[in-house]
Amino acid sequence: MELTELAANYFGNTRDGSLAGPIGAFLIAALAVTMVLLIRNMNARIRRLPERFERSEPTVDGSGDSSLSVTPGEPKSRNG
């Protein structure tokens, strides 16, 4: 086996008309914008959560809901 056979380019001319660079840059920019929007949305949702969650008390027969519950009302500001 010759060295030129090992180094042969079977994919044609990869330099002319290549769109891999611009398409890759566009995809990275789109992912970055999507990530920023997701982080902003999640921060807004976290700010709307109540300061504390209260646990519900189990009933005498043991059928009480042991999950976390929140009393309805306006969420309190975390800044005071």
PDB file of N, CA and C in Angstrom:
ATOM      1  N   MET A   1       0.836  -1.169   0.000  1.00  0.00           N
ATOM      2  CA  MET A   1       0.000   0.000   0.000  1.00  0.00           C
ATOM      3  C   MET A   1       0.889   1.243   0.000  1.00  0.00           C
ATOM      4  N   GLU A   2       0.577   2.137  -0.870  1.00  0.00           N
ATOM      5  CA  GLU A   2       1.384   3.348  -0.965  1.00  0.00           C
ATOM      6  C   GLU A   2       0.860   4.424  -0.021  1.00  0.00           C
ATOM      7  N   LEU A   3       1.741   5.341   0.297  1.00  0.00           N
ATOM      8  CA  LEU A   3       1.383   6.445   1.180  1.00  0.00           C
ATOM      9  C   LEU A   3       0.354   7.365   0.527  1.00  0.00           C
ATOM     10  N   THR A   4       0.434   7.549  -0.764  1.00  0.00           N
ATOM     11  CA  THR A   4      -0.529   8.414  -1.447  1.00  0.00           C
ATOM     12  C   THR A   4      -1.928   7.814  -1.445  1.00  0.00           C
ATOM     13  N   GLU A   5      -1.995   6.488  -1.430  1.00  0.00           N
ATOM     14  CA  GLU A   5      -3.293   5.834  -1.380  1.00  0.00           C
ATOM     15  C   GLU A   5      -3.938   6.005  -0.009  1.00  0.00           C
ATOM     16  N   LEU A   6      -3.138   6.012   1.031  1.00  0.00           N
ATOM     17  CA  LEU A   6      -3.670   6.217   2.379  1.00  0.00           C
ATOM     18  C   LEU A   6      -4.157   7.654   2.583  1.00  0.00           C
ATOM     19  N   ALA A   7      -3.504   8.606   1.952  1.00  0.00           N
ATOM     20  CA  ALA A   7      -3.842  10.005   2.138  1.00  0.00           C
ATOM     21  C   ALA A   7      -4.802  10.522   1.076  1.00  0.00           C
ATOM     22  N   ALA A   8      -5.407   9.664   0.291  1.00  0.00           N
ATOM     23  CA  ALA A   8      -6.297  10.103  -0.780  1.00  0.00           C
ATOM     24  C   ALA A   8      -7.575  10.696  -0.204  1.00  0.00           C
ATOM     25  N   ASN A   9      -8.070  11.719  -0.882  1.00  0.00           N
ATOM     26  CA  ASN A   9      -9.294  12.387  -0.479  1.00  0.00           C
ATOM     27  C   ASN A   9     -10.425  11.857  -1.339  1.00  0.00           C
ATOM     28  N   TYR A  10     -11.289  11.035  -0.765  1.00  0.00           N
ATOM     29  CA  TYR A  10     -12.388  10.439  -1.507  1.00  0.00           C
ATOM     30  C   TYR A  10     -13.674  11.246  -1.374  1.00  0.00           C
ATOM     31  N   PHE A  11     -13.606  12.421  -0.777  1.00  0.00           N
ATOM     32  CA  PHE A  11     -14.795  13.229  -0.564  1.00  0.00           C
ATOM     33  C   PHE A  11     -14.909  14.382  -1.534  1.00  0.00           C
ATOM     34  N   GLY A  12     -14.071  14.468  -2.515  1.00  0.00           N
ATOM     35  CA  GLY A  12     -14.115  15.545  -3.487  1.00  0.00           C
ATOM     36  C   GLY A  12     -13.431  16.784  -2.941  1.00  0.00           C
ATOM     37  N   ASN A  13     -13.650  17.901  -3.601  1.00  0.00           N
ATOM     38  CA  ASN A  13     -13.051  19.158  -3.196  1.00  0.00           C
ATOM     39  C   ASN A  13     -13.868  19.719  -2.028  1.00  0.00           C
ATOM     40  N   THR A  14     -13.288  19.710  -0.869  1.00  0.00           N
ATOM     41  CA  THR A  14     -14.017  20.139   0.329  1.00  0.00           C
ATOM     42  C   THR A  14     -13.863  21.624   0.607  1.00  0.00           C
ATOM     43  N   ARG A  15     -13.079  22.348  -0.170  1.00  0.00           N
ATOM     44  CA  ARG A  15     -12.859  23.773   0.075  1.00  0.00           C
ATOM     45  C   ARG A  15     -13.854  24.657  -0.669  1.00  0.00           C
ATOM     46  N   ASP A  16     -14.267  24.290  -1.862  1.00  0.00           N
ATOM     47  CA  ASP A  16     -15.136  25.137  -2.671  1.00  0.00           C
ATOM     48  C   ASP A  16     -16.595  24.930  -2.303  1.00  0.00           C
ATOM     49  N   GLY A  17     -17.303  26.045  -2.068  1.00  0.00           N
ATOM     50  CA  GLY A  17     -18.736  25.968  -1.809  1.00  0.00           C
ATOM     51  C   GLY A  17     -19.100  25.322  -0.499  1.00  0.00           C
ATOM     52  N   SER A  18     -18.223  25.330   0.452  1.00  0.00           N
ATOM     53  CA  SER A  18     -18.499  24.694   1.730  1.00  0.00           C
ATOM     54  C   SER A  18     -19.371  25.596   2.594  1.00  0.00           C
ATOM     55  N   LEU A  19     -20.440  25.054   3.139  1.00  0.00           N
ATOM     56  CA  LEU A  19     -21.325  25.804   4.025  1.00  0.00           C
ATOM     57  C   LEU A  19     -21.243  25.315   5.460  1.00  0.00           C
ATOM     58  N   ALA A  20     -20.323  24.434   5.753  1.00  0.00           N
ATOM     59  CA  ALA A  20     -20.245  23.873   7.099  1.00  0.00           C
ATOM     60  C   ALA A  20     -19.936  24.944   8.131  1.00  0.00           C
ATOM     61  N   GLY A  21     -19.049  25.873   7.814  1.00  0.00           N
ATOM     62  CA  GLY A  21     -18.693  26.926   8.769  1.00  0.00           C
ATOM     63  C   GLY A  21     -19.847  27.854   9.086  1.00  0.00           C
ATOM     64  N   PRO A  22     -20.496  28.447   8.086  1.00  0.00           N
ATOM     65  CA  PRO A  22     -21.625  29.336   8.371  1.00  0.00           C
ATOM     66  C   PRO A  22     -22.815  28.630   9.018  1.00  0.00           C
ATOM     67  N   ILE A  23     -23.091  27.411   8.591  1.00  0.00           N
ATOM     68  CA  ILE A  23     -24.210  26.673   9.195  1.00  0.00           C
ATOM     69  C   ILE A  23     -23.894  26.332  10.643  1.00  0.00           C
ATOM     70  N   GLY A  24     -22.670  25.929  10.916  1.00  0.00           N
ATOM     71  CA  GLY A  24     -22.268  25.635  12.293  1.00  0.00           C
ATOM     72  C   GLY A  24     -22.335  26.870  13.175  1.00  0.00           C
ATOM     73  N   ALA A  25     -21.904  28.021  12.645  1.00  0.00           N
ATOM     74  CA  ALA A  25     -21.971  29.267  13.414  1.00  0.00           C
ATOM     75  C   ALA A  25     -23.420  29.653  13.688  1.00  0.00           C
ATOM     76  N   PHE A  26     -24.288  29.470  12.691  1.00  0.00           N
ATOM     77  CA  PHE A  26     -25.704  29.764  12.888  1.00  0.00           C
ATOM     78  C   PHE A  26     -26.313  28.860  13.955  1.00  0.00           C
ATOM     79  N   LEU A  27     -25.996  27.573  13.920  1.00  0.00           N
ATOM     80  CA  LEU A  27     -26.536  26.645  14.920  1.00  0.00           C
ATOM     81  C   LEU A  27     -26.053  26.993  16.324  1.00  0.00           C
ATOM     82  N   ILE A  28     -24.791  27.343  16.464  1.00  0.00           N
ATOM     83  CA  ILE A  28     -24.264  27.714  17.782  1.00  0.00           C
ATOM     84  C   ILE A  28     -24.939  28.986  18.277  1.00  0.00           C
ATOM     85  N   ALA A  29     -25.134  29.968  17.391  1.00  0.00           N
ATOM     86  CA  ALA A  29     -25.811  31.208  17.788  1.00  0.00           C
ATOM     87  C   ALA A  29     -27.266  30.931  18.175  1.00  0.00           C
ATOM     88  N   ALA A  30     -27.942  30.068  17.420  1.00  0.00           N
ATOM     89  CA  ALA A  30     -29.334  29.730  17.741  1.00  0.00           C
ATOM     90  C   ALA A  30     -29.421  29.011  19.088  1.00  0.00           C
ATOM     91  N   LEU A  31     -28.495  28.108  19.350  1.00  0.00           N
ATOM     92  CA  LEU A  31     -28.485  27.424  20.646  1.00  0.00           C
ATOM     93  C   LEU A  31     -28.199  28.396  21.792  1.00  0.00           C
ATOM     94  N   ALA A  32     -27.313  29.361  21.571  1.00  0.00           N
ATOM     95  CA  ALA A  32     -27.002  30.340  22.606  1.00  0.00           C
ATOM     96  C   ALA A  32     -28.222  31.214  22.908  1.00  0.00           C
ATOM     97  N   VAL A  33     -28.925  31.655  21.868  1.00  0.00           N
ATOM     98  CA  VAL A  33     -30.126  32.470  22.082  1.00  0.00           C
ATOM     99  C   VAL A  33     -31.190  31.658  22.804  1.00  0.00           C
ATOM    100  N   THR A  34     -31.372  30.404  22.409  1.00  0.00           N
ATOM    101  CA  THR A  34     -32.331  29.531  23.072  1.00  0.00           C
ATOM    102  C   THR A  34     -31.981  29.338  24.540  1.00  0.00           C
ATOM    103  N   MET A  35     -30.708  29.165  24.843  1.00  0.00           N
ATOM    104  CA  MET A  35     -30.282  28.981  26.227  1.00  0.00           C
ATOM    105  C   MET A  35     -30.560  30.223  27.066  1.00  0.00           C
ATOM    106  N   VAL A  36     -30.290  31.397  26.501  1.00  0.00           N
ATOM    107  CA  VAL A  36     -30.559  32.646  27.230  1.00  0.00           C
ATOM    108  C   VAL A  36     -32.046  32.786  27.518  1.00  0.00           C
ATOM    109  N   LEU A  37     -32.888  32.490  26.532  1.00  0.00           N
ATOM    110  CA  LEU A  37     -34.331  32.593  26.750  1.00  0.00           C
ATOM    111  C   LEU A  37     -34.827  31.577  27.776  1.00  0.00           C
ATOM    112  N   LEU A  38     -34.290  30.369  27.754  1.00  0.00           N
ATOM    113  CA  LEU A  38     -34.681  29.366  28.752  1.00  0.00           C
ATOM    114  C   LEU A  38     -34.260  29.775  30.160  1.00  0.00           C
ATOM    115  N   ILE A  39     -33.070  30.332  30.301  1.00  0.00           N
ATOM    116  CA  ILE A  39     -32.598  30.764  31.621  1.00  0.00           C
ATOM    117  C   ILE A  39     -33.457  31.910  32.138  1.00  0.00           C
ATOM    118  N   ARG A  40     -33.813  32.863  31.266  1.00  0.00           N
ATOM    119  CA  ARG A  40     -34.664  33.973  31.695  1.00  0.00           C
ATOM    120  C   ARG A  40     -36.030  33.471  32.142  1.00  0.00           C
ATOM    121  N   ASN A  41     -36.596  32.523  31.406  1.00  0.00           N
ATOM    122  CA  ASN A  41     -37.895  31.968  31.747  1.00  0.00           C
ATOM    123  C   ASN A  41     -37.822  31.237  33.091  1.00  0.00           C
ATOM    124  N   MET A  42     -36.781  30.463  33.299  1.00  0.00           N
ATOM    125  CA  MET A  42     -36.658  29.720  34.548  1.00  0.00           C
ATOM    126  C   MET A  42     -36.464  30.667  35.735  1.00  0.00           C
ATOM    127  N   ASN A  43     -35.698  31.733  35.556  1.00  0.00           N
ATOM    128  CA  ASN A  43     -35.521  32.704  36.633  1.00  0.00           C
ATOM    129  C   ASN A  43     -36.837  33.369  36.997  1.00  0.00           C
ATOM    130  N   ALA A  44     -37.654  33.691  35.996  1.00  0.00           N
ATOM    131  CA  ALA A  44     -38.959  34.293  36.275  1.00  0.00           C
ATOM    132  C   ALA A  44     -39.847  33.321  37.042  1.00  0.00           C
ATOM    133  N   ARG A  45     -39.804  32.059  36.698  1.00  0.00           N
ATOM    134  CA  ARG A  45     -40.616  31.068  37.414  1.00  0.00           C
ATOM    135  C   ARG A  45     -40.116  30.869  38.841  1.00  0.00           C
ATOM    136  N   ILE A  46     -38.825  30.888  39.042  1.00  0.00           N
ATOM    137  CA  ILE A  46     -38.278  30.719  40.396  1.00  0.00           C
ATOM    138  C   ILE A  46     -38.663  31.906  41.269  1.00  0.00           C
ATOM    139  N   ARG A  47     -38.660  33.123  40.704  1.00  0.00           N
ATOM    140  CA  ARG A  47     -39.044  34.314  41.472  1.00  0.00           C
ATOM    141  C   ARG A  47     -40.495  34.262  41.899  1.00  0.00           C
ATOM    142  N   ARG A  48     -41.353  33.596  41.125  1.00  0.00           N
ATOM    143  CA  ARG A  48     -42.778  33.524  41.470  1.00  0.00           C
ATOM    144  C   ARG A  48     -43.082  32.464  42.528  1.00  0.00           C
ATOM    145  N   LEU A  49     -42.138  31.610  42.846  1.00  0.00           N
ATOM    146  CA  LEU A  49     -42.377  30.585  43.863  1.00  0.00           C
ATOM    147  C   LEU A  49     -42.511  31.235  45.235  1.00  0.00           C
ATOM    148  N   PRO A  50     -43.298  30.635  46.122  1.00  0.00           N
ATOM    149  CA  PRO A  50     -43.399  31.183  47.478  1.00  0.00           C
ATOM    150  C   PRO A  50     -42.074  31.023  48.227  1.00  0.00           C
ATOM    151  N   GLU A  51     -41.917  31.836  49.257  1.00  0.00           N
ATOM    152  CA  GLU A  51     -40.690  31.808  50.050  1.00  0.00           C
ATOM    153  C   GLU A  51     -40.481  30.432  50.700  1.00  0.00           C
ATOM    154  N   ARG A  52     -41.548  29.891  51.256  1.00  0.00           N
ATOM    155  CA  ARG A  52     -41.473  28.575  51.919  1.00  0.00           C
ATOM    156  C   ARG A  52     -42.681  27.729  51.531  1.00  0.00           C
ATOM    157  N   PHE A  53     -42.496  26.437  51.572  1.00  0.00           N
ATOM    158  CA  PHE A  53     -43.584  25.488  51.375  1.00  0.00           C
ATOM    159  C   PHE A  53     -43.914  24.889  52.726  1.00  0.00           C
ATOM    160  N   GLU A  54     -45.217  24.741  53.014  1.00  0.00           N
ATOM    161  CA  GLU A  54     -45.633  24.149  54.289  1.00  0.00           C
ATOM    162  C   GLU A  54     -46.079  22.716  54.049  1.00  0.00           C
ATOM    163  N   ARG A  55     -45.686  21.844  54.954  1.00  0.00           N
ATOM    164  CA  ARG A  55     -46.109  20.450  54.848  1.00  0.00           C
ATOM    165  C   ARG A  55     -47.505  20.308  55.444  1.00  0.00           C
ATOM    166  N   SER A  56     -48.351  19.522  54.786  1.00  0.00           N
ATOM    167  CA  SER A  56     -49.693  19.296  55.323  1.00  0.00           C
ATOM    168  C   SER A  56     -49.611  18.225  56.406  1.00  0.00           C
ATOM    169  N   GLU A  57     -50.451  18.370  57.409  1.00  0.00           N
ATOM    170  CA  GLU A  57     -50.463  17.421  58.530  1.00  0.00           C
ATOM    171  C   GLU A  57     -51.241  16.170  58.140  1.00  0.00           C
ATOM    172  N   PRO A  58     -50.731  14.977  58.474  1.00  0.00           N
ATOM    173  CA  PRO A  58     -51.490  13.755  58.178  1.00  0.00           C
ATOM    174  C   PRO A  58     -52.734  13.669  59.066  1.00  0.00           C
ATOM    175  N   THR A  59     -53.804  13.103  58.551  1.00  0.00           N
ATOM    176  CA  THR A  59     -55.039  12.960  59.318  1.00  0.00           C
ATOM    177  C   THR A  59     -54.935  11.751  60.236  1.00  0.00           C
ATOM    178  N   VAL A  60     -55.919  11.592  61.091  1.00  0.00           N
ATOM    179  CA  VAL A  60     -55.909  10.500  62.070  1.00  0.00           C
ATOM    180  C   VAL A  60     -55.937   9.135  61.383  1.00  0.00           C
ATOM    181  N   ASP A  61     -56.695   9.016  60.307  1.00  0.00           N
ATOM    182  CA  ASP A  61     -56.785   7.718  59.638  1.00  0.00           C
ATOM    183  C   ASP A  61     -55.601   7.451  58.716  1.00  0.00           C
ATOM    184  N   GLY A  62     -54.665   8.378  58.642  1.00  0.00           N
ATOM    185  CA  GLY A  62     -53.459   8.149  57.852  1.00  0.00           C
ATOM    186  C   GLY A  62     -53.628   8.431  56.375  1.00  0.00           C
ATOM    187  N   SER A  63     -54.776   8.998  55.978  1.00  0.00           N
ATOM    188  CA  SER A  63     -54.992   9.248  54.560  1.00  0.00           C
ATOM    189  C   SER A  63     -54.624  10.674  54.157  1.00  0.00           C
ATOM    190  N   GLY A  64     -53.915  11.366  55.020  1.00  0.00           N
ATOM    191  CA  GLY A  64     -53.539  12.747  54.722  1.00  0.00           C
ATOM    192  C   GLY A  64     -52.536  12.825  53.594  1.00  0.00           C
ATOM    193  N   ASP A  65     -52.569  13.907  52.907  1.00  0.00           N
ATOM    194  CA  ASP A  65     -51.652  14.119  51.797  1.00  0.00           C
ATOM    195  C   ASP A  65     -50.293  14.497  52.371  1.00  0.00           C
ATOM    196  N   SER A  66     -49.281  13.705  52.090  1.00  0.00           N
ATOM    197  CA  SER A  66     -47.953  13.975  52.642  1.00  0.00           C
ATOM    198  C   SER A  66     -47.116  14.843  51.710  1.00  0.00           C
ATOM    199  N   SER A  67     -47.727  15.330  50.626  1.00  0.00           N
ATOM    200  CA  SER A  67     -46.976  16.172  49.698  1.00  0.00           C
ATOM    201  C   SER A  67     -46.922  17.605  50.224  1.00  0.00           C
ATOM    202  N   LEU A  68     -46.137  18.423  49.576  1.00  0.00           N
ATOM    203  CA  LEU A  68     -46.027  19.816  49.971  1.00  0.00           C
ATOM    204  C   LEU A  68     -47.237  20.585  49.476  1.00  0.00           C
ATOM    205  N   SER A  69     -47.706  21.539  50.278  1.00  0.00           N
ATOM    206  CA  SER A  69     -48.842  22.341  49.850  1.00  0.00           C
ATOM    207  C   SER A  69     -48.504  23.815  49.998  1.00  0.00           C
ATOM    208  N   VAL A  70     -49.179  24.620  49.211  1.00  0.00           N
ATOM    209  CA  VAL A  70     -48.972  26.059  49.232  1.00  0.00           C
ATOM    210  C   VAL A  70     -50.324  26.715  49.421  1.00  0.00           C
ATOM    211  N   THR A  71     -50.401  27.679  50.321  1.00  0.00           N
ATOM    212  CA  THR A  71     -51.652  28.399  50.503  1.00  0.00           C
ATOM    213  C   THR A  71     -51.786  29.424  49.390  1.00  0.00           C
ATOM    214  N   PRO A  72     -52.989  29.585  48.841  1.00  0.00           N
ATOM    215  CA  PRO A  72     -53.151  30.532  47.745  1.00  0.00           C
ATOM    216  C   PRO A  72     -52.967  31.968  48.219  1.00  0.00           C
ATOM    217  N   GLY A  73     -52.533  32.802  47.329  1.00  0.00           N
ATOM    218  CA  GLY A  73     -52.319  34.204  47.646  1.00  0.00           C
ATOM    219  C   GLY A  73     -51.197  34.761  46.816  1.00  0.00           C
ATOM    220  N   GLU A  74     -50.891  35.996  47.067  1.00  0.00           N
ATOM    221  CA  GLU A  74     -49.809  36.649  46.335  1.00  0.00           C
ATOM    222  C   GLU A  74     -48.461  36.131  46.809  1.00  0.00           C
ATOM    223  N   PRO A  75     -47.536  35.846  45.894  1.00  0.00           N
ATOM    224  CA  PRO A  75     -46.201  35.435  46.327  1.00  0.00           C
ATOM    225  C   PRO A  75     -45.474  36.600  46.988  1.00  0.00           C
ATOM    226  N   LYS A  76     -44.751  36.295  48.030  1.00  0.00           N
ATOM    227  CA  LYS A  76     -44.011  37.322  48.746  1.00  0.00           C
ATOM    228  C   LYS A  76     -42.709  37.629  48.023  1.00  0.00           C
ATOM    229  N   SER A  77     -42.278  38.855  48.168  1.00  0.00           N
ATOM    230  CA  SER A  77     -41.021  39.260  47.542  1.00  0.00           C
ATOM    231  C   SER A  77     -39.870  38.665  48.331  1.00  0.00           C
ATOM    232  N   ARG A  78     -38.852  38.204  47.629  1.00  0.00           N
ATOM    233  CA  ARG A  78     -37.684  37.639  48.305  1.00  0.00           C
ATOM    234  C   ARG A  78     -36.764  38.723  48.853  1.00  0.00           C
ATOM    235  N   ASN A  79     -36.951  39.942  48.384  1.00  0.00           N
ATOM    236  CA  ASN A  79     -36.053  41.026  48.826  1.00  0.00           C
ATOM    237  C   ASN A  79     -36.529  41.688  50.104  1.00  0.00           C
ATOM    238  N   GLY A  80     -37.680  41.323  50.605  1.00  0.00           N
ATOM    239  CA  GLY A  80     -38.104  41.906  51.869  1.00  0.00           C
ATOM    240  C   GLY A  80     -39.429  42.419  51.796  1.00  0.00           C
TER     241      GLY A  80
END
